[in-house]
Every structure is written in C-alpha cells, then in structure tokens.
Amino acid sequence: IHFIDEVRGIDIVLMVAFHAFYTIGWLYQVEWGRTLFRFFDPAAPFFAGLFIFICGISCHLSHSNLRRGLLLAGVSIVISAFLWFFMRSEMIWFGILHLLGVCMMLFPLFKRLPVWALAVLGVAFVALGAWFETFYIPVKFLFPLGLRAQGFYCGGDYFPLLPGFGWFLLGAVIGRTAYRKKQSLLPRVNAANPVIRFFSFCGRHSLLIYMLHQPVLTIGTILIFG
C-alpha cells in the first residue's frame, strides 16, 4: 500500500537525519550538529511512535509476522552483540528493532481478538508504560518491559514493550478497520514524482536502511570531519 510505504519512508529519512546530527555533533564536536539535534529532539518520540504505529498496521497486512519478528529479533541481537564488543559506550540493550521484533512475535497471540479488545489493551499498555516512567525498581533485568532500575542506563535507543506494544496494537486496530480489505484507501497521485518515488523506496527498504545508516554516517563524518 503506497501511502504506508511513503509515510514510513519519510519517517526513516527523518531518523537518519536525526542520527546524522548526533554523530556530527557529539562524535566530532561540531556545534551546528548539536544545535540541530537539540532542536529536533522533542519530536523524536513522535516519529519513533509513528514507526511503531505503522508496523502495527502492516502486521494486519502480513501473513508472516512470526518469521518477520524472528528476523528482526536476530538482526537486533547481532547489532547489540557488535556494539557490546566494539562500541560498548553506544550499547543498545532494547532498541526499536528489539521492540518491533518482539511485537511481531507476540501479535499472533492477539490478532484474533475483537477490534474493541485490541483498542482497550493498546490504551492500557500505553498508560501502563507512562506510569512505569514515574518510578524505579531495585532490579535491572525487567527493563525490556519499561521497568527501570535506579542508576542503570538503558541506552539512547531504548524502546520498552510498555508503552511500545500499546502503540503497536493501536496501529493494528487501524489496520483491522481502515485496511480490512487490504487495499489502498487513496489513489496513487504523482507516482512518477521522483520525491514520492524516493520516499516509497525508502519505506519498502526501511530495515536495510536502518541497518546500514549508522556505519555510512560514521564513515561519512570521518571523511568530512576527520
């Protein structure tokens, strides 16, 4: 469905730009990079939430959620292992790929529930995740759920199951209602427009872009600022 691809493409491009500002600003101490990162930082949760929401919509359209979830989980484990051995200061303990992988694997357990039940659970999980952010617990190993321990840094890329799975289920509600026929809701407009084609391409290849963007950004900043 082209509209979903295009929105996801815009989202992934914005994410790459945001990470580029961070890399330029903090890895190479370039002030304009820090300024742009701070300016866009308040909007980052919205765009990350939109990505999770779109993933929930897409899971209604997919017949292979478990396979896709296992793929994402495997990729996220490889990334975390690489960071653990080579860039431990940038360690991702439970990032957005971990979250999406687990959400996709859990979704088959929820997909047969009525739409109203998915909506209620989605709102409840979002609210529960917001509540978890107000306090700390004495143990560390529950951080994937959103329960954080005092003094334990969960990393800059931290997206716990709560509220993340709630946003995912709310996206699935839209998928079950707006896209119940699994057909596009909007006519294709300006399909030949290079900008639209670019964002659509990025949306269809968002996982590959996510996996490659940080090494490319790091190499690019080394070549330009190193």
C-alpha atoms as a PDB file:
ATOM      1  CA  ILE A   1       0.000   0.000   0.000  1.00  0.00           C
ATOM      2  CA  HIS A   2       1.840   3.020  -1.335  1.00  0.00           C
ATOM      3  CA  PHE A   3       0.706   5.542   1.294  1.00  0.00           C
ATOM      4  CA  ILE A   4       2.110   3.425   4.134  1.00  0.00           C
ATOM      5  CA  ASP A   5       5.385   2.966   2.253  1.00  0.00           C
ATOM      6  CA  GLU A   6       5.669   6.714   1.665  1.00  0.00           C
ATOM      7  CA  VAL A   7       4.949   7.685   5.289  1.00  0.00           C
ATOM      8  CA  ARG A   8       7.380   5.050   6.558  1.00  0.00           C
ATOM      9  CA  GLY A   9       9.934   6.335   4.046  1.00  0.00           C
ATOM     10  CA  ILE A  10       9.600   9.907   5.328  1.00  0.00           C
ATOM     11  CA  ASP A  11       9.943   8.576   8.871  1.00  0.00           C
ATOM     12  CA  ILE A  12      13.122   6.607   8.165  1.00  0.00           C
ATOM     13  CA  VAL A  13      14.712   9.568   6.331  1.00  0.00           C
ATOM     14  CA  LEU A  14      13.991  11.820   9.309  1.00  0.00           C
ATOM     15  CA  MET A  15      15.500   9.208  11.619  1.00  0.00           C
ATOM     16  CA  VAL A  16      18.684   9.066   9.529  1.00  0.00           C
ATOM     17  CA  ALA A  17      18.936  12.877   9.572  1.00  0.00           C
ATOM     18  CA  PHE A  18      18.420  12.934  13.358  1.00  0.00           C
ATOM     19  CA  HIS A  19      21.179  10.366  13.883  1.00  0.00           C
ATOM     20  CA  ALA A  20      23.413  12.292  11.487  1.00  0.00           C
ATOM     21  CA  PHE A  21      23.074  15.411  13.645  1.00  0.00           C
ATOM     22  CA  TYR A  22      24.001  13.348  16.716  1.00  0.00           C
ATOM     23  CA  THR A  23      27.018  11.790  15.005  1.00  0.00           C
ATOM     24  CA  ILE A  24      28.283  15.134  13.712  1.00  0.00           C
ATOM     25  CA  GLY A  25      27.548  16.995  16.942  1.00  0.00           C
ATOM     26  CA  TRP A  26      28.937  14.587  19.527  1.00  0.00           C
ATOM     27  CA  LEU A  27      31.351  12.318  17.690  1.00  0.00           C
ATOM     28  CA  TYR A  28      33.155  15.243  16.044  1.00  0.00           C
ATOM     29  CA  GLN A  29      32.112  18.076  18.354  1.00  0.00           C
ATOM     30  CA  VAL A  30      30.541  20.190  15.588  1.00  0.00           C
ATOM     31  CA  GLU A  31      28.311  22.789  17.190  1.00  0.00           C
ATOM     32  CA  TRP A  32      25.712  23.091  14.408  1.00  0.00           C
ATOM     33  CA  GLY A  33      25.164  19.331  14.629  1.00  0.00           C
ATOM     34  CA  ARG A  34      24.413  19.645  18.330  1.00  0.00           C
ATOM     35  CA  THR A  35      22.121  22.597  17.712  1.00  0.00           C
ATOM     36  CA  LEU A  36      20.069  20.724  15.109  1.00  0.00           C
ATOM     37  CA  PHE A  37      19.954  17.591  17.277  1.00  0.00           C
ATOM     38  CA  ARG A  38      18.620  19.565  20.260  1.00  0.00           C
ATOM     39  CA  PHE A  39      16.095  21.357  18.038  1.00  0.00           C
ATOM     40  CA  PHE A  40      14.599  18.116  16.664  1.00  0.00           C
ATOM     41  CA  ASP A  41      14.983  16.078  19.859  1.00  0.00           C
ATOM     42  CA  PRO A  42      11.475  16.886  21.239  1.00  0.00           C
ATOM     43  CA  ALA A  43       9.909  15.479  18.030  1.00  0.00           C
ATOM     44  CA  ALA A  44      11.924  12.230  18.102  1.00  0.00           C
ATOM     45  CA  PRO A  45       9.438  10.263  20.286  1.00  0.00           C
ATOM     46  CA  PHE A  46       6.593  11.191  17.921  1.00  0.00           C
ATOM     47  CA  PHE A  47       8.396   9.892  14.837  1.00  0.00           C
ATOM     48  CA  ALA A  48       9.545   6.751  16.649  1.00  0.00           C
ATOM     49  CA  GLY A  49       5.963   6.187  17.821  1.00  0.00           C
ATOM     50  CA  LEU A  50       4.731   6.676  14.252  1.00  0.00           C
ATOM     51  CA  PHE A  51       7.130   3.981  13.062  1.00  0.00           C
ATOM     52  CA  ILE A  52       5.814   1.551  15.701  1.00  0.00           C
ATOM     53  CA  PHE A  53       2.221   2.503  14.838  1.00  0.00           C
ATOM     54  CA  ILE A  54       2.807   1.839  11.119  1.00  0.00           C
ATOM     55  CA  CYS A  55       4.360  -1.504  11.986  1.00  0.00           C
ATOM     56  CA  GLY A  56       1.129  -2.427  13.786  1.00  0.00           C
ATOM     57  CA  ILE A  57      -0.886  -1.501  10.690  1.00  0.00           C
ATOM     58  CA  SER A  58       1.423  -3.538   8.477  1.00  0.00           C
ATOM     59  CA  CYS A  59       1.134  -6.625  10.644  1.00  0.00           C
ATOM     60  CA  HIS A  60      -2.547  -6.822   9.753  1.00  0.00           C
ATOM     61  CA  LEU A  61      -1.498  -6.926   6.092  1.00  0.00           C
ATOM     62  CA  SER A  62       1.185  -9.596   6.557  1.00  0.00           C
ATOM     63  CA  HIS A  63       0.868 -13.385   6.605  1.00  0.00           C
ATOM     64  CA  SER A  64       4.346 -13.927   8.062  1.00  0.00           C
ATOM     65  CA  ASN A  65       4.543 -11.907  11.271  1.00  0.00           C
ATOM     66  CA  LEU A  66       6.337 -14.629  13.211  1.00  0.00           C
ATOM     67  CA  ARG A  67       9.005 -15.005  10.524  1.00  0.00           C
ATOM     68  CA  ARG A  68       9.440 -11.239  10.246  1.00  0.00           C
ATOM     69  CA  GLY A  69       9.608 -10.958  14.031  1.00  0.00           C
ATOM     70  CA  LEU A  70      12.304 -13.625  14.244  1.00  0.00           C
ATOM     71  CA  LEU A  71      14.254 -11.835  11.508  1.00  0.00           C
ATOM     72  CA  LEU A  72      14.117  -8.508  13.358  1.00  0.00           C
ATOM     73  CA  ALA A  73      14.988 -10.159  16.663  1.00  0.00           C
ATOM     74  CA  GLY A  74      18.007 -11.813  15.045  1.00  0.00           C
ATOM     75  CA  VAL A  75      19.158  -8.537  13.486  1.00  0.00           C
ATOM     76  CA  SER A  76      18.751  -6.674  16.790  1.00  0.00           C
ATOM     77  CA  ILE A  77      20.782  -9.317  18.642  1.00  0.00           C
ATOM     78  CA  VAL A  78      23.587  -9.076  16.054  1.00  0.00           C
ATOM     79  CA  ILE A  79      23.644  -5.269  16.379  1.00  0.00           C
ATOM     80  CA  SER A  80      23.720  -5.443  20.185  1.00  0.00           C
ATOM     81  CA  ALA A  81      26.498  -8.051  20.106  1.00  0.00           C
ATOM     82  CA  PHE A  82      28.558  -5.879  17.745  1.00  0.00           C
ATOM     83  CA  LEU A  83      28.136  -2.839  19.989  1.00  0.00           C
ATOM     84  CA  TRP A  84      28.973  -4.871  23.096  1.00  0.00           C
ATOM     85  CA  PHE A  85      32.335  -5.923  21.668  1.00  0.00           C
ATOM     86  CA  PHE A  86      33.314  -2.830  19.689  1.00  0.00           C
ATOM     87  CA  MET A  87      31.287   0.232  20.840  1.00  0.00           C
ATOM     88  CA  ARG A  88      30.091  -0.560  24.344  1.00  0.00           C
ATOM     89  CA  SER A  89      29.545   3.115  25.169  1.00  0.00           C
ATOM     90  CA  GLU A  90      26.817   3.127  22.452  1.00  0.00           C
ATOM     91  CA  MET A  91      25.262  -0.171  23.606  1.00  0.00           C
ATOM     92  CA  ILE A  92      21.635  -0.814  22.640  1.00  0.00           C
ATOM     93  CA  TRP A  93      20.003  -3.023  25.258  1.00  0.00           C
ATOM     94  CA  PHE A  94      16.437  -2.912  23.987  1.00  0.00           C
ATOM     95  CA  GLY A  95      16.084  -0.630  20.982  1.00  0.00           C
ATOM     96  CA  ILE A  96      13.369  -0.160  18.413  1.00  0.00           C
ATOM     97  CA  LEU A  97      14.334  -3.294  16.439  1.00  0.00           C
ATOM     98  CA  HIS A  98      14.178  -5.397  19.612  1.00  0.00           C
ATOM     99  CA  LEU A  99      10.754  -3.921  20.325  1.00  0.00           C
ATOM    100  CA  LEU A 100       9.367  -4.440  16.825  1.00  0.00           C
ATOM    101  CA  GLY A 101      10.695  -7.994  16.668  1.00  0.00           C
ATOM    102  CA  VAL A 102       9.031  -8.940  19.963  1.00  0.00           C
ATOM    103  CA  CYS A 103       5.795  -7.152  18.972  1.00  0.00           C
ATOM    104  CA  MET A 104       5.599  -9.106  15.725  1.00  0.00           C
ATOM    105  CA  MET A 105       6.188 -12.390  17.537  1.00  0.00           C
ATOM    106  CA  LEU A 106       3.523 -11.552  20.128  1.00  0.00           C
ATOM    107  CA  PHE A 107       0.950 -10.332  17.610  1.00  0.00           C
ATOM    108  CA  PRO A 108      -0.314 -13.815  16.572  1.00  0.00           C
ATOM    109  CA  LEU A 109      -1.487 -14.257  20.175  1.00  0.00           C
ATOM    110  CA  PHE A 110      -3.633 -11.115  19.908  1.00  0.00           C
ATOM    111  CA  LYS A 111      -4.696 -10.958  16.250  1.00  0.00           C
ATOM    112  CA  ARG A 112      -7.944 -12.920  16.752  1.00  0.00           C
ATOM    113  CA  LEU A 113      -9.200 -10.621  19.492  1.00  0.00           C
ATOM    114  CA  PRO A 114     -12.047  -8.274  18.516  1.00  0.00           C
ATOM    115  CA  VAL A 115     -11.079  -4.766  17.499  1.00  0.00           C
ATOM    116  CA  TRP A 116     -12.501  -3.205  20.656  1.00  0.00           C
ATOM    117  CA  ALA A 117     -10.354  -5.530  22.811  1.00  0.00           C
ATOM    118  CA  LEU A 118      -7.216  -4.594  20.861  1.00  0.00           C
ATOM    119  CA  ALA A 119      -8.059  -0.906  21.333  1.00  0.00           C
ATOM    120  CA  VAL A 120      -8.607  -1.313  25.080  1.00  0.00           C
ATOM    121  CA  LEU A 121      -5.380  -3.272  25.503  1.00  0.00           C
ATOM    122  CA  GLY A 122      -3.472  -0.758  23.393  1.00  0.00           C
ATOM    123  CA  VAL A 123      -4.615   2.196  25.506  1.00  0.00           C
ATOM    124  CA  ALA A 124      -3.996   0.239  28.721  1.00  0.00           C
ATOM    125  CA  PHE A 125      -0.443  -0.710  27.699  1.00  0.00           C
ATOM    126  CA  VAL A 126       0.370   2.884  26.711  1.00  0.00           C
ATOM    127  CA  ALA A 127      -0.953   4.144  30.059  1.00  0.00           C
ATOM    128  CA  LEU A 128       0.930   1.436  31.955  1.00  0.00           C
ATOM    129  CA  GLY A 129       4.156   2.339  30.168  1.00  0.00           C
ATOM    130  CA  ALA A 130       3.672   6.011  31.047  1.00  0.00           C
ATOM    131  CA  TRP A 131       3.174   5.009  34.702  1.00  0.00           C
ATOM    132  CA  PHE A 132       6.349   2.880  34.659  1.00  0.00           C
ATOM    133  CA  GLU A 133       8.324   6.003  33.704  1.00  0.00           C
ATOM    134  CA  THR A 134       7.418   7.649  37.028  1.00  0.00           C
ATOM    135  CA  PHE A 135       9.373   5.301  39.314  1.00  0.00           C
ATOM    136  CA  TYR A 136      12.339   2.924  39.572  1.00  0.00           C
ATOM    137  CA  ILE A 137      12.628  -0.646  40.819  1.00  0.00           C
ATOM    138  CA  PRO A 138      15.564  -2.352  42.606  1.00  0.00           C
ATOM    139  CA  VAL A 139      16.239  -4.980  39.869  1.00  0.00           C
ATOM    140  CA  LYS A 140      17.732  -4.408  36.420  1.00  0.00           C
ATOM    141  CA  PHE A 141      16.514  -7.313  34.293  1.00  0.00           C
ATOM    142  CA  LEU A 142      12.940  -6.040  33.802  1.00  0.00           C
ATOM    143  CA  PHE A 143      13.985  -3.038  31.699  1.00  0.00           C
ATOM    144  CA  PRO A 144      12.595  -4.591  28.444  1.00  0.00           C
ATOM    145  CA  LEU A 145       9.132  -4.156  29.986  1.00  0.00           C
ATOM    146  CA  GLY A 146       9.809  -0.499  30.798  1.00  0.00           C
ATOM    147  CA  LEU A 147      10.622  -1.077  34.483  1.00  0.00           C
ATOM    148  CA  ARG A 148      13.941   0.692  35.057  1.00  0.00           C
ATOM    149  CA  ALA A 149      16.455   0.343  37.865  1.00  0.00           C
ATOM    150  CA  GLN A 150      17.973   3.393  39.525  1.00  0.00           C
ATOM    151  CA  GLY A 151      21.397   4.133  38.010  1.00  0.00           C
ATOM    152  CA  PHE A 152      21.066   1.644  35.133  1.00  0.00           C
ATOM    153  CA  TYR A 153      21.437   3.401  31.765  1.00  0.00           C
ATOM    154  CA  CYS A 154      19.172   1.721  29.215  1.00  0.00           C
ATOM    155  CA  GLY A 155      20.903   3.412  26.272  1.00  0.00           C
ATOM    156  CA  GLY A 156      19.931   6.211  23.916  1.00  0.00           C
ATOM    157  CA  ASP A 157      17.958   3.821  21.699  1.00  0.00           C
ATOM    158  CA  TYR A 158      15.573   2.475  24.339  1.00  0.00           C
ATOM    159  CA  PHE A 159      12.038   1.418  23.402  1.00  0.00           C
ATOM    160  CA  PRO A 160      10.483  -0.844  26.049  1.00  0.00           C
ATOM    161  CA  LEU A 161       7.496  -3.097  25.417  1.00  0.00           C
ATOM    162  CA  LEU A 162       5.347  -0.804  27.508  1.00  0.00           C
ATOM    163  CA  PRO A 163       4.208   1.552  26.077  1.00  0.00           C
ATOM    164  CA  GLY A 164       5.622   0.341  22.718  1.00  0.00           C
ATOM    165  CA  PHE A 165       3.372  -2.704  22.363  1.00  0.00           C
ATOM    166  CA  GLY A 166       0.385  -0.489  23.133  1.00  0.00           C
ATOM    167  CA  TRP A 167       1.151   1.792  20.167  1.00  0.00           C
ATOM    168  CA  PHE A 168       1.701  -1.310  18.046  1.00  0.00           C
ATOM    169  CA  LEU A 169      -1.739  -2.701  18.958  1.00  0.00           C
ATOM    170  CA  LEU A 170      -3.388   0.655  18.246  1.00  0.00           C
ATOM    171  CA  GLY A 171      -1.795   0.525  14.814  1.00  0.00           C
ATOM    172  CA  ALA A 172      -3.211  -2.980  14.385  1.00  0.00           C
ATOM    173  CA  VAL A 173      -6.656  -1.544  15.212  1.00  0.00           C
ATOM    174  CA  ILE A 174      -6.313   0.873  12.282  1.00  0.00           C
ATOM    175  CA  GLY A 175      -5.120  -1.989  10.112  1.00  0.00           C
ATOM    176  CA  ARG A 176      -8.134  -4.123  11.055  1.00  0.00           C
ATOM    177  CA  THR A 177     -10.616  -1.299  10.440  1.00  0.00           C
ATOM    178  CA  ALA A 178      -9.300   1.086   7.771  1.00  0.00           C
ATOM    179  CA  TYR A 179      -7.456  -1.624   5.833  1.00  0.00           C
ATOM    180  CA  ARG A 180      -9.714  -4.596   6.466  1.00  0.00           C
ATOM    181  CA  LYS A 181      -9.856  -5.284   2.686  1.00  0.00           C
ATOM    182  CA  LYS A 182      -6.065  -4.953   2.491  1.00  0.00           C
ATOM    183  CA  GLN A 183      -6.402  -2.369  -0.263  1.00  0.00           C
ATOM    184  CA  SER A 184      -5.119   1.174  -0.603  1.00  0.00           C
ATOM    185  CA  LEU A 185      -7.507   3.855   0.651  1.00  0.00           C
ATOM    186  CA  LEU A 186      -6.084   6.610  -1.537  1.00  0.00           C
ATOM    187  CA  PRO A 187      -5.493   6.819  -5.281  1.00  0.00           C
ATOM    188  CA  ARG A 188      -1.886   6.916  -6.407  1.00  0.00           C
ATOM    189  CA  VAL A 189      -1.053  10.555  -7.117  1.00  0.00           C
ATOM    190  CA  ASN A 190       2.089  11.703  -8.903  1.00  0.00           C
ATOM    191  CA  ALA A 191       3.565   8.210  -8.896  1.00  0.00           C
ATOM    192  CA  ALA A 192       6.285   9.372 -11.275  1.00  0.00           C
ATOM    193  CA  ASN A 193       7.344  12.219  -8.978  1.00  0.00           C
ATOM    194  CA  PRO A 194      10.968  11.477  -8.003  1.00  0.00           C
ATOM    195  CA  VAL A 195      10.466  12.685  -4.424  1.00  0.00           C
ATOM    196  CA  ILE A 196       7.463  10.407  -3.888  1.00  0.00           C
ATOM    197  CA  ARG A 197       9.280   7.508  -5.530  1.00  0.00           C
ATOM    198  CA  PHE A 198      12.282   8.129  -3.269  1.00  0.00           C
ATOM    199  CA  PHE A 199      10.227   8.038  -0.080  1.00  0.00           C
ATOM    200  CA  SER A 200       8.306   4.987  -1.293  1.00  0.00           C
ATOM    201  CA  PHE A 201      11.600   3.202  -1.992  1.00  0.00           C
ATOM    202  CA  CYS A 202      12.921   4.100   1.467  1.00  0.00           C
ATOM    203  CA  GLY A 203       9.717   2.844   3.069  1.00  0.00           C
ATOM    204  CA  ARG A 204       9.942  -0.511   1.302  1.00  0.00           C
ATOM    205  CA  HIS A 205      13.591  -0.937   2.356  1.00  0.00           C
ATOM    206  CA  SER A 206      13.440   0.624   5.827  1.00  0.00           C
ATOM    207  CA  LEU A 207      15.099  -2.325   7.613  1.00  0.00           C
ATOM    208  CA  LEU A 208      18.084  -2.319   5.269  1.00  0.00           C
ATOM    209  CA  ILE A 209      18.403   1.462   5.637  1.00  0.00           C
ATOM    210  CA  TYR A 210      18.235   1.162   9.424  1.00  0.00           C
ATOM    211  CA  MET A 211      20.985  -1.483   9.450  1.00  0.00           C
ATOM    212  CA  LEU A 212      23.328   0.429   7.148  1.00  0.00           C
ATOM    213  CA  HIS A 213      22.738   4.061   8.022  1.00  0.00           C
ATOM    214  CA  GLN A 214      24.937   4.334  11.109  1.00  0.00           C
ATOM    215  CA  PRO A 215      28.060   2.785   9.548  1.00  0.00           C
ATOM    216  CA  VAL A 216      27.540   5.010   6.495  1.00  0.00           C
ATOM    217  CA  LEU A 217      27.091   8.088   8.705  1.00  0.00           C
ATOM    218  CA  THR A 218      30.185   7.243  10.727  1.00  0.00           C
ATOM    219  CA  ILE A 219      32.338   6.719   7.640  1.00  0.00           C
ATOM    220  CA  GLY A 220      30.932   9.896   6.070  1.00  0.00           C
ATOM    221  CA  THR A 221      31.705  12.016   9.123  1.00  0.00           C
ATOM    222  CA  ILE A 222      35.223  10.572   9.295  1.00  0.00           C
ATOM    223  CA  LEU A 223      35.823  11.505   5.656  1.00  0.00           C
ATOM    224  CA  ILE A 224      34.364  15.009   6.038  1.00  0.00           C
ATOM    225  CA  PHE A 225      35.408  15.989   9.565  1.00  0.00           C
ATOM    226  CA  GLY A 226      38.187  13.542  10.386  1.00  0.00           C
END
